[in-house]
Protein backbone atom coordinates (compact mmCIF):
# COMPACT_ATOMS: atom_id res chain seq x y z
CA MET A 1 34.00 -16.40 0.26
CA PRO A 2 31.59 -13.98 -1.51
CA THR A 3 29.10 -12.14 0.67
CA SER A 4 25.48 -13.22 0.10
CA PRO A 5 23.05 -10.56 -1.16
CA LEU A 6 21.06 -10.79 2.09
CA ARG A 7 24.15 -10.25 4.23
CA ALA A 8 25.17 -7.36 2.02
CA LEU A 9 21.75 -5.77 2.62
CA LEU A 10 21.98 -6.29 6.38
CA ALA A 11 25.31 -4.46 6.33
CA GLN A 12 23.51 -1.30 5.14
CA THR A 13 22.73 0.17 8.59
CA SER A 14 20.44 2.97 7.48
CA PHE A 15 18.49 0.57 5.24
CA VAL A 16 17.91 -1.73 8.24
CA ARG A 17 16.80 1.19 10.43
CA PHE A 18 14.42 2.40 7.75
CA TRP A 19 13.13 -1.15 7.21
CA VAL A 20 12.27 -1.52 10.90
CA SER A 21 10.71 1.95 11.03
CA ARG A 22 8.62 1.22 7.94
CA VAL A 23 7.48 -2.17 9.24
CA GLY A 24 6.38 -0.65 12.55
CA GLY A 25 4.52 2.14 10.78
CA ILE A 26 2.74 -0.22 8.40
CA MET A 27 1.77 -2.60 11.21
CA ALA A 28 0.27 0.30 13.14
CA ASN A 29 -1.49 1.51 10.00
CA GLN A 30 -3.03 -1.89 9.34
CA MET A 31 -4.23 -2.21 12.92
CA LEU A 32 -5.70 1.27 12.64
CA MET A 33 -7.56 0.32 9.45
CA VAL A 34 -9.06 -2.78 11.07
CA ALA A 35 -10.20 -0.76 14.08
CA LEU A 36 -11.57 2.12 11.98
CA GLY A 37 -13.47 -0.22 9.65
CA TRP A 38 -15.03 -2.27 12.43
CA HIS A 39 -15.68 0.84 14.53
CA MET A 40 -17.47 2.56 11.66
CA TYR A 41 -19.53 -0.54 10.82
CA ASP A 42 -20.46 -0.91 14.49
CA LEU A 43 -21.62 2.72 14.54
CA THR A 44 -23.56 2.83 11.26
CA ALA A 45 -23.85 -0.72 9.77
CA SER A 46 -23.46 0.97 6.37
CA ALA A 47 -21.40 -0.23 3.39
CA TRP A 48 -21.58 3.33 2.07
CA ASP A 49 -19.87 4.67 5.19
CA LEU A 50 -17.13 2.03 4.89
CA GLY A 51 -16.51 3.35 1.38
CA LEU A 52 -16.47 6.94 2.63
CA VAL A 53 -13.58 6.13 4.99
CA GLY A 54 -11.52 5.29 1.90
CA LEU A 55 -12.76 8.29 -0.08
CA PHE A 56 -11.97 10.75 2.72
CA GLN A 57 -8.39 9.47 2.74
CA PHE A 58 -8.03 9.48 -1.04
CA VAL A 59 -9.20 13.02 -1.87
CA PRO A 60 -6.60 14.91 0.22
CA ALA A 61 -3.92 12.45 -0.91
CA LEU A 62 -4.83 13.15 -4.53
CA LEU A 63 -4.61 16.91 -4.00
CA MET A 64 -1.36 16.87 -2.02
CA THR A 65 0.74 14.05 -3.52
CA LEU A 66 2.32 15.94 -6.45
CA PRO A 67 3.48 18.81 -4.21
CA ALA A 68 4.63 16.16 -1.71
CA GLY A 69 6.78 14.54 -4.42
CA HIS A 70 8.41 17.89 -5.11
CA VAL A 71 9.08 18.28 -1.38
CA ALA A 72 10.68 14.81 -1.33
CA ASP A 73 13.09 15.86 -4.10
CA ARG A 74 14.13 19.03 -2.23
CA HIS A 75 14.30 17.89 1.40
CA HIS A 76 15.64 15.00 3.47
CA ARG A 77 13.35 12.07 2.70
CA ALA A 78 13.89 10.25 6.00
CA ARG A 79 12.88 13.39 7.94
CA ILE A 80 9.72 13.72 5.86
CA PHE A 81 8.87 10.07 6.56
CA ALA A 82 9.51 10.61 10.29
CA LEU A 83 7.13 13.58 10.44
CA CYS A 84 4.43 11.54 8.68
CA MET A 85 4.79 8.81 11.33
CA LEU A 86 4.44 11.47 14.03
CA ALA A 87 1.27 12.89 12.42
CA GLN A 88 -0.35 9.45 12.17
CA GLY A 89 0.64 8.77 15.77
CA ALA A 90 -1.24 11.92 16.77
CA VAL A 91 -4.35 10.66 14.94
CA ALA A 92 -4.14 7.30 16.74
CA ALA A 93 -3.68 9.08 20.08
CA LEU A 94 -6.76 11.23 19.44
CA LEU A 95 -8.83 8.14 18.59
CA CYS A 96 -7.57 6.47 21.76
CA TRP A 97 -8.60 9.47 23.85
CA GLY A 98 -11.97 9.69 22.08
CA THR A 99 -12.72 5.99 22.62
CA PHE A 100 -12.03 6.07 26.34
CA HIS A 101 -14.17 9.21 26.70
CA GLY A 102 -17.01 7.99 24.45
CA GLU A 103 -16.45 10.74 21.87
CA VAL A 104 -15.78 8.69 18.70
CA SER A 105 -18.46 9.32 16.08
CA ARG A 106 -19.00 8.88 12.35
CA SER A 107 -17.95 12.50 11.80
CA LEU A 108 -14.77 12.13 13.86
CA ILE A 109 -13.70 9.00 11.98
CA LEU A 110 -14.25 10.70 8.63
CA GLY A 111 -12.47 13.87 9.76
CA LEU A 112 -9.43 11.94 10.98
CA SER A 113 -9.46 9.95 7.74
CA VAL A 114 -8.75 13.26 5.98
CA LEU A 115 -5.73 13.85 8.24
CA LEU A 116 -4.48 10.33 7.55
CA GLY A 117 -4.80 11.00 3.83
CA VAL A 118 -2.69 14.16 4.07
CA ALA A 119 0.02 12.39 6.11
CA ARG A 120 0.19 9.50 3.65
CA ALA A 121 0.37 11.91 0.72
CA PHE A 122 3.77 13.06 2.02
CA GLN A 123 4.79 9.64 3.33
CA MET A 124 4.52 7.65 0.11
CA PRO A 125 6.86 9.63 -2.21
CA ALA A 126 9.53 9.92 0.48
CA GLN A 127 9.17 6.25 1.42
CA GLN A 128 9.45 4.98 -2.15
CA ALA A 129 12.26 7.32 -3.21
CA ILE A 130 14.59 6.71 -0.28
CA THR A 131 15.58 3.05 -0.85
CA PRO A 132 17.91 3.68 -3.85
CA LEU A 133 19.85 6.10 -1.61
CA LEU A 134 20.44 3.45 1.06
CA VAL A 135 21.66 0.45 -0.99
CA PRO A 136 23.99 -0.14 -3.98
CA ARG A 137 22.29 -0.31 -7.39
CA GLU A 138 23.03 -4.01 -7.83
CA LEU A 139 21.08 -4.79 -4.64
CA LEU A 140 18.05 -2.65 -5.49
CA GLN A 141 15.63 -5.34 -6.72
CA ARG A 142 16.46 -7.53 -3.72
CA ALA A 143 16.15 -4.52 -1.39
CA ILE A 144 12.68 -3.81 -2.78
CA ALA A 145 11.74 -7.48 -2.35
CA VAL A 146 13.04 -7.46 1.25
CA SER A 147 11.14 -4.22 1.89
CA SER A 148 8.06 -5.90 0.49
CA SER A 149 8.65 -8.87 2.81
CA GLY A 150 8.73 -6.53 5.79
CA MET A 151 5.58 -4.82 4.62
CA GLU A 152 3.79 -8.16 4.30
CA ILE A 153 4.95 -9.26 7.77
CA ALA A 154 3.39 -6.08 9.10
CA VAL A 155 0.23 -6.55 7.04
CA ILE A 156 -0.08 -10.11 8.36
CA GLY A 157 0.60 -9.24 11.99
CA GLY A 158 -1.18 -5.89 12.07
CA PRO A 159 -4.71 -6.97 11.08
CA ALA A 160 -4.57 -10.23 13.06
CA LEU A 161 -3.35 -8.44 16.18
CA GLY A 162 -5.76 -5.56 15.60
CA GLY A 163 -8.72 -7.90 15.27
CA LEU A 164 -7.69 -9.82 18.40
CA LEU A 165 -7.14 -6.68 20.48
CA TYR A 166 -10.38 -5.11 19.24
CA THR A 167 -12.26 -7.75 21.25
CA THR A 168 -10.90 -6.00 24.37
CA GLY A 169 -11.94 -2.58 23.07
CA ALA A 170 -11.02 -0.22 20.25
CA GLY A 171 -9.04 1.95 22.69
CA THR A 172 -6.50 -0.83 23.18
CA VAL A 173 -5.83 -0.97 19.44
CA TYR A 174 -5.49 2.80 19.14
CA ALA A 175 -3.09 2.92 22.12
CA LEU A 176 -0.77 0.29 20.61
CA CYS A 177 -0.90 2.09 17.24
CA THR A 178 0.21 5.28 18.94
CA ALA A 179 3.19 3.55 20.55
CA LEU A 180 4.30 1.86 17.31
CA LEU A 181 4.03 5.05 15.27
CA LEU A 182 6.10 7.00 17.80
CA LEU A 183 8.75 4.25 17.70
CA SER A 184 8.79 4.45 13.89
CA PHE A 185 9.21 8.22 14.16
CA ALA A 186 12.25 7.83 16.43
CA LEU A 187 13.93 5.20 14.21
CA ALA A 188 13.37 7.22 11.04
CA LEU A 189 15.26 10.12 12.59
CA LEU A 190 18.33 7.85 12.77
CA VAL A 191 18.40 7.11 9.00
CA ARG A 192 21.44 8.69 7.33
CA TYR A 193 22.42 9.23 3.70
CA PRO A 194 24.39 11.95 1.85
CA PHE A 195 22.09 14.92 1.35
CA THR A 196 22.71 18.40 -0.01
CA PRO A 197 19.77 20.86 0.15
CA THR A 198 18.94 22.40 -3.22
CA ARG A 199 18.95 26.16 -3.60
CA GLN A 200 17.15 26.19 -6.93
CA ALA A 201 13.86 28.08 -6.99
CA SER A 202 10.67 26.03 -7.39
CA THR A 203 8.19 26.41 -10.25
CA TRP A 204 4.86 24.79 -11.02
CA GLY A 205 6.61 23.01 -13.87
CA ASP A 206 8.85 21.32 -11.31
CA VAL A 207 5.81 20.11 -9.38
CA PHE A 208 4.27 18.46 -12.47
CA ALA A 209 7.55 17.16 -13.93
CA GLY A 210 6.89 13.66 -12.59
CA LEU A 211 3.68 13.36 -14.60
CA HIS A 212 5.50 14.39 -17.78
CA PHE A 213 8.33 11.94 -17.07
CA VAL A 214 5.96 8.96 -16.64
CA TRP A 215 3.79 9.96 -19.62
CA GLU A 216 6.82 10.01 -21.94
CA ARG A 217 7.95 6.52 -20.86
CA LYS A 218 5.26 4.09 -21.94
CA VAL A 219 6.66 1.14 -19.99
CA LEU A 220 6.32 3.11 -16.75
CA LEU A 221 2.93 4.49 -17.77
CA GLY A 222 1.65 1.02 -18.58
CA ALA A 223 2.98 -0.55 -15.37
CA THR A 224 1.66 2.13 -13.01
CA SER A 225 -1.73 2.51 -14.70
CA LEU A 226 -2.11 -1.28 -14.79
CA ASP A 227 -1.89 -1.38 -11.00
CA LEU A 228 -4.28 1.57 -10.73
CA PHE A 229 -7.12 0.06 -12.71
CA ALA A 230 -6.65 -3.58 -11.69
CA VAL A 231 -6.74 -2.90 -7.94
CA LEU A 232 -9.32 -0.12 -8.33
CA LEU A 233 -11.73 -2.66 -9.80
CA GLY A 234 -10.56 -5.80 -8.03
CA GLY A 235 -9.90 -4.63 -4.47
CA ALA A 236 -12.23 -6.10 -1.86
CA SER A 237 -10.60 -4.89 1.36
CA ALA A 238 -13.29 -2.30 2.17
CA LEU A 239 -15.95 -5.02 2.11
CA LEU A 240 -14.15 -7.46 4.39
CA PRO A 241 -16.14 -6.33 7.47
CA ILE A 242 -19.33 -7.29 5.59
CA TYR A 243 -17.89 -10.65 4.52
CA ALA A 244 -16.64 -11.35 8.05
CA LYS A 245 -19.90 -10.43 9.75
CA ASP A 246 -22.69 -11.28 7.29
CA ILE A 247 -21.36 -13.85 4.79
CA LEU A 248 -18.63 -15.89 6.51
CA HIS A 249 -20.08 -15.25 10.00
CA THR A 250 -16.86 -14.55 11.88
CA GLY A 251 -16.13 -11.75 14.33
CA PRO A 252 -13.33 -9.19 14.62
CA VAL A 253 -10.72 -11.97 14.88
CA GLY A 254 -11.95 -13.43 11.59
CA LEU A 255 -11.82 -9.98 10.01
CA GLY A 256 -8.21 -9.61 11.10
CA LEU A 257 -7.34 -12.99 9.57
CA LEU A 258 -9.07 -12.09 6.31
CA ARG A 259 -7.18 -8.80 6.11
CA ALA A 260 -3.93 -10.64 6.80
CA ALA A 261 -4.50 -13.41 4.22
CA PRO A 262 -3.32 -11.42 1.15
CA ALA A 263 -0.16 -10.55 3.03
CA VAL A 264 0.56 -14.23 3.71
CA GLY A 265 0.62 -14.91 -0.02
CA ALA A 266 2.58 -11.71 -0.67
CA LEU A 267 5.16 -12.61 1.98
CA ALA A 268 5.69 -16.04 0.45
CA MET A 269 6.12 -14.50 -3.00
CA SER A 270 8.46 -11.77 -1.76
CA ILE A 271 10.72 -14.43 -0.20
CA VAL A 272 10.78 -16.22 -3.57
CA LEU A 273 11.63 -12.98 -5.39
CA THR A 274 14.39 -12.19 -2.88
CA ARG A 275 16.03 -15.54 -3.62
CA TRP A 276 15.17 -15.69 -7.33
CA PRO A 277 14.53 -12.16 -8.70
CA LEU A 278 12.80 -11.86 -12.06
CA GLU A 279 15.36 -11.71 -14.86
CA ARG A 280 13.50 -12.43 -18.12
CA LYS A 281 10.03 -11.70 -19.57
CA VAL A 282 9.23 -9.28 -16.75
CA GLY A 283 6.48 -7.52 -18.75
CA GLN A 284 4.59 -10.72 -19.57
CA ARG A 285 4.87 -11.96 -16.00
CA LEU A 286 3.55 -8.66 -14.68
CA LEU A 287 0.46 -8.84 -16.90
CA MET A 288 -0.13 -12.52 -16.09
CA ALA A 289 0.11 -11.74 -12.36
CA VAL A 290 -2.66 -9.15 -12.68
CA ALA A 291 -4.88 -11.67 -14.48
CA VAL A 292 -4.31 -14.20 -11.67
CA PHE A 293 -5.16 -11.46 -9.15
CA GLY A 294 -8.50 -10.94 -10.89
CA LEU A 295 -9.34 -14.65 -11.04
CA ALA A 296 -8.56 -15.11 -7.34
CA THR A 297 -10.70 -12.07 -6.49
CA LEU A 298 -13.56 -13.67 -8.42
CA GLY A 299 -13.08 -16.90 -6.43
CA PHE A 300 -13.15 -14.99 -3.14
CA GLY A 301 -16.33 -13.17 -4.13
CA LEU A 302 -18.19 -16.43 -4.78
CA SER A 303 -16.88 -18.29 -1.72
CA HIS A 304 -18.92 -19.02 1.38
CA SER A 305 -16.14 -21.05 2.99
CA PHE A 306 -13.77 -19.27 5.38
CA ALA A 307 -10.83 -21.54 4.41
CA LEU A 308 -11.41 -21.09 0.67
CA SER A 309 -11.80 -17.34 1.13
CA MET A 310 -8.47 -17.20 2.97
CA LEU A 311 -6.80 -19.16 0.15
CA MET A 312 -8.19 -16.91 -2.59
CA LEU A 313 -7.08 -13.80 -0.71
CA ALA A 314 -3.60 -15.29 -0.25
CA ILE A 315 -3.36 -15.85 -4.01
CA THR A 316 -4.36 -12.23 -4.67
CA GLY A 317 -1.56 -11.16 -2.35
CA ALA A 318 1.05 -13.32 -4.10
CA ALA A 319 0.02 -12.04 -7.52
CA ASP A 320 -0.06 -8.43 -6.35
CA ASN A 321 3.44 -8.78 -4.86
CA ILE A 322 4.86 -9.68 -8.29
CA SER A 323 3.21 -6.52 -9.62
CA VAL A 324 4.52 -4.32 -6.80
CA VAL A 325 8.15 -5.51 -6.91
CA THR A 326 8.28 -5.40 -10.72
CA ARG A 327 6.67 -1.96 -10.97
CA LEU A 328 8.78 -0.36 -8.24
CA THR A 329 12.03 -1.85 -9.56
CA LEU A 330 11.31 -0.65 -13.10
CA THR A 331 10.46 2.80 -11.79
CA GLN A 332 13.57 3.16 -9.62
CA LEU A 333 15.96 1.89 -12.31
CA GLU A 334 14.58 4.19 -15.01
CA THR A 335 14.36 7.36 -12.90
CA PRO A 336 17.30 9.65 -12.00
CA ASP A 337 17.59 10.44 -8.28
CA GLU A 338 16.68 14.11 -8.68
CA MET A 339 13.30 13.00 -10.11
CA ARG A 340 12.54 10.02 -7.86
CA GLY A 341 10.38 11.92 -5.39
CA ARG A 342 8.13 13.36 -8.08
CA VAL A 343 7.89 10.08 -9.99
CA ALA A 344 7.17 8.29 -6.71
CA ALA A 345 4.41 10.86 -6.15
CA VAL A 346 2.79 9.89 -9.44
CA ASN A 347 3.06 6.25 -8.43
CA SER A 348 1.57 7.14 -5.04
CA ILE A 349 -1.44 8.76 -6.71
CA PHE A 350 -2.04 5.55 -8.63
CA ILE A 351 -1.60 3.44 -5.49
CA GLY A 352 -3.86 5.75 -3.50
CA ALA A 353 -6.48 5.73 -6.21
CA SER A 354 -6.39 1.95 -6.43
CA ASN A 355 -6.64 1.54 -2.64
CA GLN A 356 -8.67 4.41 -1.18
CA LEU A 357 -10.76 5.19 -4.28
CA GLY A 358 -11.08 1.44 -4.79
CA GLU A 359 -12.59 1.18 -1.30
CA PHE A 360 -15.13 3.86 -2.23
CA GLU A 361 -15.91 2.05 -5.51
CA SER A 362 -16.39 -1.19 -3.59
CA GLY A 363 -18.73 0.46 -1.10
CA MET A 364 -20.70 2.16 -3.87
CA THR A 365 -21.13 -0.99 -5.99
CA ALA A 366 -21.89 -3.05 -2.87
CA ALA A 367 -24.67 -0.62 -1.98
CA ALA A 368 -26.08 -1.12 -5.49
CA PHE A 369 -25.40 -4.83 -6.19
CA GLY A 370 -24.53 -6.32 -2.81
CA ALA A 371 -21.08 -7.25 -1.51
CA VAL A 372 -20.83 -10.45 -3.57
CA GLY A 373 -21.85 -8.70 -6.78
CA SER A 374 -19.32 -5.95 -6.16
CA VAL A 375 -16.38 -8.33 -5.64
CA VAL A 376 -17.30 -10.59 -8.58
CA LEU A 377 -17.63 -7.59 -10.89
CA GLY A 378 -14.23 -6.35 -9.73
CA GLY A 379 -12.53 -9.69 -10.35
CA VAL A 380 -13.85 -9.84 -13.91
CA GLY A 381 -12.75 -6.25 -14.44
CA SER A 382 -9.17 -6.98 -13.34
CA VAL A 383 -8.84 -9.84 -15.82
CA ALA A 384 -10.18 -7.58 -18.57
CA ILE A 385 -7.67 -4.86 -17.65
CA ALA A 386 -4.75 -7.28 -17.97
CA ALA A 387 -5.94 -8.31 -21.44
CA LEU A 388 -6.45 -4.71 -22.59
CA TRP A 389 -3.05 -3.53 -21.30
CA TRP A 390 -1.36 -6.39 -23.20
CA LYS A 391 -2.78 -4.84 -26.37
CA TRP A 392 -2.54 -1.13 -25.50
CA PHE A 393 1.00 -1.17 -24.05
CA PRO A 394 3.02 -3.50 -26.32
CA ALA A 395 6.32 -2.06 -25.03
CA LEU A 396 5.40 -3.27 -21.54
CA ALA A 397 4.32 -6.70 -22.77
CA ARG A 398 7.61 -7.06 -24.70
CA ARG A 399 9.82 -5.87 -21.84
CA ASP A 400 12.33 -8.65 -21.21
CA ARG A 401 14.62 -7.42 -18.41
CA MET A 402 14.30 -4.93 -15.56
CA GLU A 403 16.93 -2.66 -17.08
CA GLY A 404 15.97 -1.77 -20.63
């Protein structure tokens, strides 16, 4: 009897270890983001400061990600990931100590946000580039979908648990984050794959080779830049504390549920894609998913109902998951292994820009137009981006299968 794809994946021991390590790290990260956001808003009640938390993570990530991609192509990727988990665990431990001693301030949160940005700059290229080394090529799209499922489980559980625990004190959240990140560090050290250190000298051309590679391949350029601009404009995560407190009138528990809602939709979609991976018209479906993401963001921005807001956020998560799985699969299949770290670094810059810089954009526009105006404007912008990319990147729109 043939082995099912899921059983074949579970037989890949290092993939399973990395999956568990990654899920634990993401759950801790999501809890940390809930606590940092609510903590900052409690301290300053400022939408601008909420945006600064994202900006202070994005700037160091932008500066360090290309060198980090080069490091991922020259060194053991699982070890790099493990060290990033350890660094983030140290940040969580410091926040825990500061909370119990009454030392957490606006300046401390922003300073530690810089450290988180540096750690994630090295984490993302190694994290994205390691999966093709742990599974056979024919299982790659399913492996990415399963990885996405794990990520969404963590994004669902992390914010909900973080919001619930925050009611007992921020220190409780930071303590659990520390424990989870140290566990992820230990598991990542157990990941094995064939690795031979390179002895070739490094040049600045090597560092920037990933940018050149993506620029020359218009399908990859279109897919990665699509995610950048759509989420940059349409992301509303930085404003969720405002929606939870001032518009939907819920507390930290409600904030945790709102942050988890996109992951519920994404988890459902990732399960669908694991069972029925995209095989035809992948470019059109990618662009349509981004348009749906924008429309659902618009619906969330106009909603004053907690249930409707949860539904709209879940739809954004489902649509975004199609984009993530399609983009990552295309990237991995079209990139040779010796370039995957640097190409993943380029992708990480786009992801970081869309998330952290998107949070700053949301805070800035919310300060000018209000939270509702900011989210509505972003939703309209995401739909417009999908339409423009259909015209500007015809090779992406015409892409039929994952493997060209």
